[in-house]
């Protein structure tokens, strides 16, 4: 039957593009699953493995630290040497490290394997997202990226409960054995995808910039996790200055500093970091409230959280349908909606003590944050040159990963965490995003700043 003249026929995607989508979606699912699957199983791991208790937090933070700090380097490696090649390397490293985690005889060796796994995840995400951007016809890469992010979002929410259930019913090692065949399947799909890279000849990896960027991100991550440790903050600032100096002198910089003059890119990345930290806070606070205050078991809390999990996962595909020109306004709207629903999910806010009301507010917050998180990646890829898509996705993913710990800091991370802090940050971010969209808004803001400094025109009275 011929296509209706009012609706254009669907674009038939080439097989290599479909294989790329399958590979990236499965790889992203594995990365997000193993980011959170051990959160509820850590007591079981501690009881099962010999080693100092001080090493236990590094099972989680070591993985996230390696992933967040190496993503800018990984993204640029994909641009230079092939995004499919780096995706395959990341999947091989991730799957091998997962098997090593499953076989680890002690806590120190488990931590070492987790750091290796984080390095594999750092290769998978930016290289995979850039591969999707370049594999699909113009304008269709966003939708493909949104679908991949939707599956990853499902793993983000279900990971803790799946990990806890496997730890109770089988073994905590089953969490890692689960990802091994998935990474193999993703690698087989990736082999059928088309290769893409930066077409500019003669570029090499900027080693001084890579070293400075990685070191700065490591210090920043440690400072975010331990806010009172100002030595880490000083180290991050010093290495960031070294990085900027190295990039200005490099003929082929790791990160083109012009990227930070791309206003839509910077605004979407910063807003995405806020949304991601609020998502982490939501995933921590609500399940804990369901278990500690409402008396649900781990599996009961997981079942109660299924609808919010679906709402968060649906955010990725919805973000993929947003036009690049509308990305910033939609991001501002999502953060405002997230602020309202996060406030409603607080025990002292609109949800009160009723579990249905709590879950309703949580579902609204998850939907808004899911779209905002997806926009941070689909929107930024749409406003940068495809030749440096890996570099841009690496910087964005690194920003989202490194700042994720701020969400826990804002909740208080105690026995009774609050979502008021994340709600306030989302509201402020939405207002900052929305102000330049209001006619005269940015001009009024600059005028107010001049008046505070006493440099503006005198006001009549």
Protein backbone atom coordinates (compact mmCIF):
# COMPACT_ATOMS: atom_id res chain seq x y z
CA UNK A 1 0.00 0.00 0.00
CA UNK A 2 1.56 3.36 -0.96
CA UNK A 3 2.46 5.80 1.77
CA UNK A 4 -0.05 8.52 2.57
CA UNK A 5 0.85 11.86 0.97
CA UNK A 6 0.37 13.50 4.38
CA UNK A 7 2.92 11.25 6.12
CA UNK A 8 6.41 10.66 4.73
CA UNK A 9 7.44 7.04 4.37
CA UNK A 10 9.64 5.67 7.14
CA UNK A 11 13.34 5.86 6.35
CA UNK A 12 14.74 2.32 5.93
CA UNK A 13 17.86 2.29 8.09
CA UNK A 14 20.80 0.37 6.62
CA UNK A 15 21.71 -2.90 8.39
CA UNK A 16 25.04 -1.54 9.76
CA UNK A 17 23.11 1.23 11.54
CA UNK A 18 20.69 -1.26 13.10
CA UNK A 19 23.61 -3.42 14.26
CA UNK A 20 25.25 -0.35 15.77
CA UNK A 21 22.05 0.45 17.69
CA UNK A 22 21.82 -3.12 19.02
CA UNK A 23 25.48 -3.06 20.10
CA UNK A 24 25.35 0.34 21.82
CA UNK A 25 22.00 -0.32 23.53
CA UNK A 26 23.24 -3.65 24.93
CA UNK A 27 26.60 -2.20 25.93
CA UNK A 28 24.99 0.80 27.65
CA UNK A 29 22.65 -1.57 29.50
CA UNK A 30 25.65 -3.53 30.82
CA UNK A 31 27.53 -0.38 31.88
CA UNK A 32 24.57 1.02 33.81
CA UNK A 33 23.61 -2.35 35.28
CA UNK A 34 27.05 -2.92 36.78
CA UNK A 35 27.18 0.70 37.98
CA UNK A 36 24.37 0.05 40.47
CA UNK A 37 23.82 -3.72 40.77
CA UNK A 38 26.10 -4.15 43.79
CA UNK A 39 24.68 -1.27 45.85
CA UNK A 40 22.35 -3.49 47.87
CA UNK A 41 24.66 -6.52 47.75
CA UNK A 42 27.72 -4.92 49.39
CA UNK A 43 27.06 -6.48 52.84
CA UNK A 44 26.93 -9.91 51.18
CA UNK A 45 30.20 -9.20 49.33
CA UNK A 46 31.86 -8.06 52.58
CA UNK A 47 30.85 -11.27 54.35
CA UNK A 48 31.99 -13.49 51.48
CA UNK A 49 35.43 -12.06 50.69
CA UNK A 50 38.53 -11.53 52.85
CA UNK A 51 40.01 -8.05 52.94
CA UNK A 52 39.90 -4.77 54.79
CA UNK A 53 36.49 -3.15 55.25
CA UNK A 54 38.00 0.12 54.00
CA UNK A 55 38.23 -1.43 50.52
CA UNK A 56 34.49 -2.12 50.35
CA UNK A 57 33.34 1.37 49.16
CA UNK A 58 35.88 1.16 46.34
CA UNK A 59 33.89 -1.68 44.78
CA UNK A 60 31.46 1.05 43.69
CA UNK A 61 33.54 4.23 43.67
CA UNK A 62 36.53 2.64 41.91
CA UNK A 63 34.33 1.65 38.99
CA UNK A 64 32.69 5.09 38.74
CA UNK A 65 36.02 6.90 39.20
CA UNK A 66 37.66 5.00 36.33
CA UNK A 67 34.65 5.45 34.06
CA UNK A 68 34.18 9.16 34.73
CA UNK A 69 37.83 10.20 34.53
CA UNK A 70 38.68 8.28 31.36
CA UNK A 71 35.68 9.20 29.21
CA UNK A 72 37.15 12.34 27.55
CA UNK A 73 40.23 10.34 26.53
CA UNK A 74 38.07 7.42 25.38
CA UNK A 75 35.85 9.69 23.31
CA UNK A 76 38.80 11.23 21.50
CA UNK A 77 40.37 7.80 20.93
CA UNK A 78 37.19 6.82 19.09
CA UNK A 79 37.38 9.92 16.90
CA UNK A 80 41.02 9.25 16.02
CA UNK A 81 41.24 5.47 15.71
CA UNK A 82 37.67 4.41 14.95
CA UNK A 83 34.52 4.44 17.06
CA UNK A 84 33.57 0.87 16.26
CA UNK A 85 37.10 -0.27 17.11
CA UNK A 86 37.00 1.48 20.49
CA UNK A 87 33.51 0.12 21.16
CA UNK A 88 34.74 -3.42 20.49
CA UNK A 89 37.79 -2.86 22.69
CA UNK A 90 35.60 -1.48 25.47
CA UNK A 91 33.19 -4.41 25.27
CA UNK A 92 36.06 -6.92 25.37
CA UNK A 93 37.63 -5.14 28.35
CA UNK A 94 34.30 -4.83 30.15
CA UNK A 95 33.32 -8.49 29.65
CA UNK A 96 36.77 -9.78 30.67
CA UNK A 97 36.75 -7.60 33.78
CA UNK A 98 33.23 -8.81 34.64
CA UNK A 99 34.48 -12.41 34.57
CA UNK A 100 37.44 -11.41 36.76
CA UNK A 101 35.01 -9.77 39.21
CA UNK A 102 32.96 -12.97 39.34
CA UNK A 103 36.10 -15.00 40.08
CA UNK A 104 37.72 -12.56 42.52
CA UNK A 105 38.96 -14.36 45.68
CA UNK A 106 39.42 -11.20 47.79
CA UNK A 107 38.22 -7.63 48.12
CA UNK A 108 41.42 -5.98 46.78
CA UNK A 109 41.30 -8.12 43.64
CA UNK A 110 37.59 -7.37 43.21
CA UNK A 111 38.35 -3.63 43.43
CA UNK A 112 41.14 -3.97 40.84
CA UNK A 113 38.80 -5.82 38.47
CA UNK A 114 36.10 -3.19 39.00
CA UNK A 115 38.52 -0.40 38.07
CA UNK A 116 39.38 -2.32 34.89
CA UNK A 117 35.67 -2.72 34.22
CA UNK A 118 35.18 1.03 34.64
CA UNK A 119 37.87 1.64 32.02
CA UNK A 120 35.95 -0.63 29.64
CA UNK A 121 32.75 1.28 30.37
CA UNK A 122 34.57 4.54 29.62
CA UNK A 123 35.32 3.24 26.12
CA UNK A 124 31.83 1.86 25.49
CA UNK A 125 29.73 4.94 26.21
CA UNK A 126 31.33 7.87 24.30
CA UNK A 127 32.51 5.72 21.38
CA UNK A 128 29.10 4.06 21.14
CA UNK A 129 27.12 7.31 21.27
CA UNK A 130 29.37 8.87 18.61
CA UNK A 131 28.98 5.74 16.47
CA UNK A 132 25.19 6.12 16.57
CA UNK A 133 25.44 9.79 15.62
CA UNK A 134 27.47 8.98 12.51
CA UNK A 135 25.79 5.67 11.54
CA UNK A 136 22.26 7.00 11.04
CA UNK A 137 20.99 9.49 8.45
CA UNK A 138 21.05 13.15 9.57
CA UNK A 139 18.30 13.82 12.07
CA UNK A 140 17.75 10.15 12.95
CA UNK A 141 20.77 9.61 15.20
CA UNK A 142 18.97 11.37 18.06
CA UNK A 143 16.14 8.83 18.05
CA UNK A 144 18.56 5.92 17.94
CA UNK A 145 20.55 7.40 20.83
CA UNK A 146 17.32 7.91 22.78
CA UNK A 147 16.38 4.26 22.38
CA UNK A 148 19.79 3.13 23.59
CA UNK A 149 19.57 5.48 26.56
CA UNK A 150 16.09 4.16 27.38
CA UNK A 151 17.45 0.64 27.82
CA UNK A 152 20.36 2.01 29.86
CA UNK A 153 17.90 3.91 32.06
CA UNK A 154 16.01 0.71 32.77
CA UNK A 155 19.25 -0.89 33.96
CA UNK A 156 20.00 2.16 36.13
CA UNK A 157 16.78 1.75 38.11
CA UNK A 158 16.49 -2.04 38.14
CA UNK A 159 20.18 -2.67 38.76
CA UNK A 160 20.15 -2.38 42.58
CA UNK A 161 17.09 -4.61 42.96
CA UNK A 162 18.30 -7.16 40.43
CA UNK A 163 21.66 -7.26 42.16
CA UNK A 164 20.05 -7.63 45.57
CA UNK A 165 17.74 -10.40 44.36
CA UNK A 166 20.58 -12.34 42.72
CA UNK A 167 22.76 -11.93 45.82
CA UNK A 168 19.98 -13.34 48.02
CA UNK A 169 18.78 -16.12 45.72
CA UNK A 170 21.99 -17.23 43.96
CA UNK A 171 25.23 -15.32 44.64
CA UNK A 172 26.58 -11.82 44.26
CA UNK A 173 28.91 -13.29 41.60
CA UNK A 174 25.87 -13.96 39.40
CA UNK A 175 25.58 -10.19 38.86
CA UNK A 176 28.83 -10.26 36.90
CA UNK A 177 28.24 -13.57 35.14
CA UNK A 178 25.02 -12.05 33.79
CA UNK A 179 26.89 -9.32 31.92
CA UNK A 180 29.47 -11.60 30.29
CA UNK A 181 27.15 -13.10 27.62
CA UNK A 182 25.53 -9.69 27.11
CA UNK A 183 28.87 -8.08 26.27
CA UNK A 184 29.67 -10.97 23.90
CA UNK A 185 26.34 -10.41 22.13
CA UNK A 186 27.00 -6.67 21.94
CA UNK A 187 30.46 -7.28 20.45
CA UNK A 188 29.01 -9.59 17.78
CA UNK A 189 26.55 -6.85 16.83
CA UNK A 190 29.28 -4.19 16.82
CA UNK A 191 31.37 -6.22 14.37
CA UNK A 192 28.60 -5.74 11.79
CA UNK A 193 28.41 -1.97 12.26
CA UNK A 194 30.19 0.46 9.95
CA UNK A 195 33.39 2.17 11.11
CA UNK A 196 33.62 5.96 11.47
CA UNK A 197 36.31 8.36 12.63
CA UNK A 198 37.53 11.96 12.39
CA UNK A 199 38.44 12.40 8.70
CA UNK A 200 41.19 14.94 9.41
CA UNK A 201 44.56 13.28 8.65
CA UNK A 202 47.63 13.18 10.83
CA UNK A 203 46.04 13.74 14.25
CA UNK A 204 47.44 11.91 17.25
CA UNK A 205 46.28 11.60 20.82
CA UNK A 206 47.23 14.65 22.89
CA UNK A 207 49.08 12.80 25.68
CA UNK A 208 49.83 15.83 27.94
CA UNK A 209 46.20 16.93 27.69
CA UNK A 210 44.98 13.39 28.32
CA UNK A 211 47.12 13.05 31.46
CA UNK A 212 46.07 16.44 32.83
CA UNK A 213 42.38 15.90 32.07
CA UNK A 214 42.33 12.45 33.67
CA UNK A 215 44.16 13.66 36.77
CA UNK A 216 41.86 16.68 37.13
CA UNK A 217 38.76 14.50 36.88
CA UNK A 218 40.12 12.02 39.43
CA UNK A 219 40.73 14.86 41.89
CA UNK A 220 37.33 16.40 41.17
CA UNK A 221 35.58 13.06 41.72
CA UNK A 222 37.31 12.54 45.04
CA UNK A 223 36.41 16.06 46.14
CA UNK A 224 32.76 15.58 45.18
CA UNK A 225 32.71 12.37 47.21
CA UNK A 226 34.52 13.94 50.21
CA UNK A 227 33.47 17.60 50.20
CA UNK A 228 35.67 18.59 53.14
CA UNK A 229 38.85 17.31 51.46
CA UNK A 230 39.95 20.61 49.94
CA UNK A 231 43.28 19.16 48.87
CA UNK A 232 41.45 17.28 46.13
CA UNK A 233 39.77 20.53 45.03
CA UNK A 234 43.15 22.29 44.86
CA UNK A 235 44.58 19.41 42.85
CA UNK A 236 41.64 19.52 40.44
CA UNK A 237 42.06 23.29 39.93
CA UNK A 238 45.82 23.00 39.37
CA UNK A 239 45.52 20.15 36.87
CA UNK A 240 42.65 21.93 35.10
CA UNK A 241 44.95 24.93 34.59
CA UNK A 242 47.65 22.63 33.24
CA UNK A 243 45.08 21.06 30.92
CA UNK A 244 43.93 24.42 29.51
CA UNK A 245 47.54 25.47 28.91
CA UNK A 246 48.32 22.17 27.18
CA UNK A 247 45.24 22.40 24.95
CA UNK A 248 46.06 25.94 23.88
CA UNK A 249 49.52 24.85 22.78
CA UNK A 250 48.51 21.57 21.13
CA UNK A 251 48.01 21.35 17.37
CA UNK A 252 45.58 18.45 17.88
CA UNK A 253 44.05 19.00 21.34
CA UNK A 254 42.26 16.28 23.26
CA UNK A 255 39.35 18.70 23.69
CA UNK A 256 38.97 21.68 21.40
CA UNK A 257 38.44 24.56 23.84
CA UNK A 258 35.99 26.08 21.33
CA UNK A 259 33.61 23.37 22.56
CA UNK A 260 33.16 25.40 25.75
CA UNK A 261 32.17 28.45 23.70
CA UNK A 262 29.31 26.44 22.20
CA UNK A 263 26.55 27.80 24.42
CA UNK A 264 23.85 25.19 23.70
CA UNK A 265 26.39 22.41 24.34
CA UNK A 266 27.55 23.92 27.65
CA UNK A 267 24.03 24.65 28.86
CA UNK A 268 22.74 21.17 28.02
CA UNK A 269 25.78 19.49 29.58
CA UNK A 270 25.54 21.52 32.81
CA UNK A 271 21.79 20.97 33.05
CA UNK A 272 22.29 17.26 32.34
CA UNK A 273 24.75 17.06 35.23
CA UNK A 274 22.12 18.59 37.52
CA UNK A 275 19.49 16.15 36.25
CA UNK A 276 21.81 13.17 36.69
CA UNK A 277 22.71 14.11 40.26
CA UNK A 278 19.00 14.50 41.05
CA UNK A 279 18.33 11.08 39.49
CA UNK A 280 20.97 9.49 41.72
CA UNK A 281 19.37 11.18 44.73
CA UNK A 282 15.94 9.88 43.72
CA UNK A 283 17.25 6.33 43.23
CA UNK A 284 18.84 6.43 46.66
CA UNK A 285 16.18 8.19 48.72
CA UNK A 286 12.94 6.61 47.54
CA UNK A 287 13.95 2.91 47.76
CA UNK A 288 15.44 3.59 51.20
CA UNK A 289 12.21 5.29 52.29
CA UNK A 290 10.14 2.36 51.00
CA UNK A 291 12.26 -0.09 52.99
CA UNK A 292 13.05 1.85 56.17
CA UNK A 293 9.85 3.87 56.64
CA UNK A 294 7.23 1.78 54.82
CA UNK A 295 8.56 -1.65 55.87
CA UNK A 296 8.92 -3.14 52.38
CA UNK A 297 11.50 -5.82 51.59
CA UNK A 298 14.16 -5.33 48.89
CA UNK A 299 12.03 -7.24 46.39
CA UNK A 300 8.86 -5.44 47.53
CA UNK A 301 10.51 -2.06 47.07
CA UNK A 302 11.74 -3.18 43.66
CA UNK A 303 8.23 -4.19 42.61
CA UNK A 304 6.82 -0.89 43.90
CA UNK A 305 9.46 0.98 41.91
CA UNK A 306 8.62 -0.68 38.56
CA UNK A 307 6.40 2.15 37.30
CA UNK A 308 8.93 4.92 38.14
CA UNK A 309 11.59 2.72 36.51
CA UNK A 310 9.55 2.51 33.31
CA UNK A 311 8.99 6.28 33.37
CA UNK A 312 12.74 6.92 33.69
CA UNK A 313 13.52 4.48 30.87
CA UNK A 314 10.93 6.10 28.60
CA UNK A 315 12.72 9.43 28.96
CA UNK A 316 15.50 8.43 26.56
CA UNK A 317 13.28 7.67 23.55
CA UNK A 318 11.22 10.80 24.26
CA UNK A 319 14.37 12.93 24.38
CA UNK A 320 15.40 11.51 21.02
CA UNK A 321 12.27 13.05 19.44
CA UNK A 322 13.05 16.59 20.60
CA UNK A 323 14.34 18.88 17.83
CA UNK A 324 17.79 20.40 18.51
CA UNK A 325 16.34 23.93 18.47
CA UNK A 326 13.89 22.99 21.25
CA UNK A 327 16.38 21.08 23.42
CA UNK A 328 17.21 23.92 25.83
CA UNK A 329 13.57 25.04 26.43
CA UNK A 330 12.46 21.44 26.92
CA UNK A 331 15.37 20.86 29.31
CA UNK A 332 14.31 23.92 31.36
CA UNK A 333 10.73 22.64 31.47
CA UNK A 334 11.85 19.16 32.55
CA UNK A 335 13.99 20.53 35.38
CA UNK A 336 11.11 22.70 36.60
CA UNK A 337 8.79 19.68 36.56
CA UNK A 338 11.44 17.62 38.34
CA UNK A 339 11.77 20.27 41.04
CA UNK A 340 8.01 20.24 41.70
CA UNK A 341 7.70 16.46 41.77
CA UNK A 342 10.84 15.95 43.86
CA UNK A 343 9.40 18.36 46.42
CA UNK A 344 6.11 16.43 46.31
CA UNK A 345 8.00 13.19 46.95
CA UNK A 346 9.48 14.53 50.20
CA UNK A 347 7.79 13.28 53.40
CA UNK A 348 7.27 16.90 54.41
CA UNK A 349 6.13 17.99 50.95
CA UNK A 350 3.05 17.19 48.96
CA UNK A 351 3.15 13.40 49.22
CA UNK A 352 2.67 13.10 52.97
CA UNK A 353 2.86 9.61 54.37
CA UNK A 354 0.80 7.79 51.73
CA UNK A 355 2.84 5.31 49.69
CA UNK A 356 0.66 5.71 46.54
CA UNK A 357 1.18 9.48 46.63
CA UNK A 358 4.92 8.99 47.11
CA UNK A 359 5.11 6.65 44.13
CA UNK A 360 2.99 8.98 41.98
CA UNK A 361 5.30 11.91 42.68
CA UNK A 362 8.33 9.67 42.14
CA UNK A 363 6.99 8.57 38.76
CA UNK A 364 6.57 12.17 37.67
CA UNK A 365 10.08 13.05 38.82
CA UNK A 366 11.55 9.99 37.10
CA UNK A 367 9.83 10.86 33.81
CA UNK A 368 11.05 14.46 33.87
CA UNK A 369 14.59 13.49 34.86
CA UNK A 370 14.67 10.71 32.28
CA UNK A 371 13.92 13.16 29.47
CA UNK A 372 16.41 15.69 30.87
CA UNK A 373 19.16 13.08 31.13
CA UNK A 374 18.48 11.89 27.60
CA UNK A 375 18.54 15.45 26.25
CA UNK A 376 21.97 16.00 27.76
CA UNK A 377 23.33 13.38 25.33
CA UNK A 378 21.04 13.59 22.29
CA UNK A 379 20.96 17.39 22.34
CA UNK A 380 24.70 17.88 22.71
CA UNK A 381 25.44 15.46 19.87
CA UNK A 382 23.17 17.51 17.61
CA UNK A 383 25.03 20.79 18.17
CA UNK A 384 28.63 19.62 17.57
CA UNK A 385 30.49 18.66 14.40
CA UNK A 386 30.20 14.90 13.67
CA UNK A 387 33.98 14.62 13.27
CA UNK A 388 34.40 15.32 17.00
CA UNK A 389 31.24 13.59 18.21
CA UNK A 390 33.25 11.21 20.39
CA UNK A 391 35.12 14.05 22.05
CA UNK A 392 31.85 15.87 22.81
CA UNK A 393 30.08 12.78 24.16
CA UNK A 394 33.13 11.92 26.27
CA UNK A 395 33.13 15.35 27.93
CA UNK A 396 29.37 15.25 28.51
CA UNK A 397 29.34 11.71 29.91
CA UNK A 398 32.30 12.54 32.13
CA UNK A 399 30.50 15.60 33.51
CA UNK A 400 27.40 13.52 34.23
CA UNK A 401 29.37 10.72 35.91
CA UNK A 402 31.73 12.86 37.98
CA UNK A 403 28.95 15.05 39.42
CA UNK A 404 26.61 12.14 40.18
CA UNK A 405 27.84 11.97 43.77
CA UNK A 406 26.51 15.47 44.43
CA UNK A 407 23.03 13.98 44.48
CA UNK A 408 23.84 11.88 47.52
CA UNK A 409 25.49 14.85 49.23
CA UNK A 410 22.33 16.93 48.71
CA UNK A 411 20.08 14.28 50.24
CA UNK A 412 22.14 14.08 53.42
CA UNK A 413 22.63 10.34 52.72
CA UNK A 414 21.51 9.44 56.21
CA UNK A 415 18.77 7.19 57.55
CA UNK A 416 16.13 9.72 56.45
CA UNK A 417 17.39 11.38 53.23
CA UNK A 418 15.58 14.42 51.89
CA UNK A 419 14.89 15.37 48.28
CA UNK A 420 14.48 19.08 49.06
CA UNK A 421 18.12 19.81 48.15
CA UNK A 422 17.94 18.16 44.70
CA UNK A 423 14.56 19.86 44.12
CA UNK A 424 16.05 23.27 44.88
CA UNK A 425 19.03 22.70 42.58
CA UNK A 426 16.73 21.58 39.74
CA UNK A 427 14.58 24.69 40.21
CA UNK A 428 17.61 27.01 40.14
CA UNK A 429 18.97 25.27 37.03
CA UNK A 430 15.62 25.55 35.25
CA UNK A 431 15.46 29.30 35.99
CA UNK A 432 19.02 29.83 34.76
CA UNK A 433 18.20 27.97 31.54
CA UNK A 434 14.90 29.77 31.02
CA UNK A 435 16.06 33.35 31.67
CA UNK A 436 17.83 33.89 28.30
CA UNK A 437 14.71 32.52 26.56
CA UNK A 438 12.60 35.36 28.00
CA UNK A 439 12.74 38.55 25.87
CA UNK A 440 15.17 40.88 27.59
CA UNK A 441 15.91 38.31 30.31
CA UNK A 442 19.65 38.05 29.73
CA UNK A 443 19.95 41.85 29.35
CA UNK A 444 18.09 42.36 32.64
CA UNK A 445 20.39 39.89 34.38
CA UNK A 446 23.50 41.69 33.14
CA UNK A 447 22.02 45.05 34.20
CA UNK A 448 21.29 43.74 37.69
CA UNK A 449 24.86 42.48 37.97
CA UNK A 450 26.23 45.90 36.94
CA UNK A 451 24.02 47.65 39.50
CA UNK A 452 25.26 45.34 42.26
CA UNK A 453 28.83 46.25 41.31
CA UNK A 454 27.91 49.93 41.17
CA UNK A 455 28.92 50.22 37.49
CA UNK A 456 25.48 50.57 35.95
CA UNK A 457 23.51 53.75 35.33
CA UNK A 458 22.15 55.49 38.39
CA UNK A 459 18.53 54.76 39.10
CA UNK A 460 16.09 57.63 39.34
CA UNK A 461 14.27 58.24 42.60
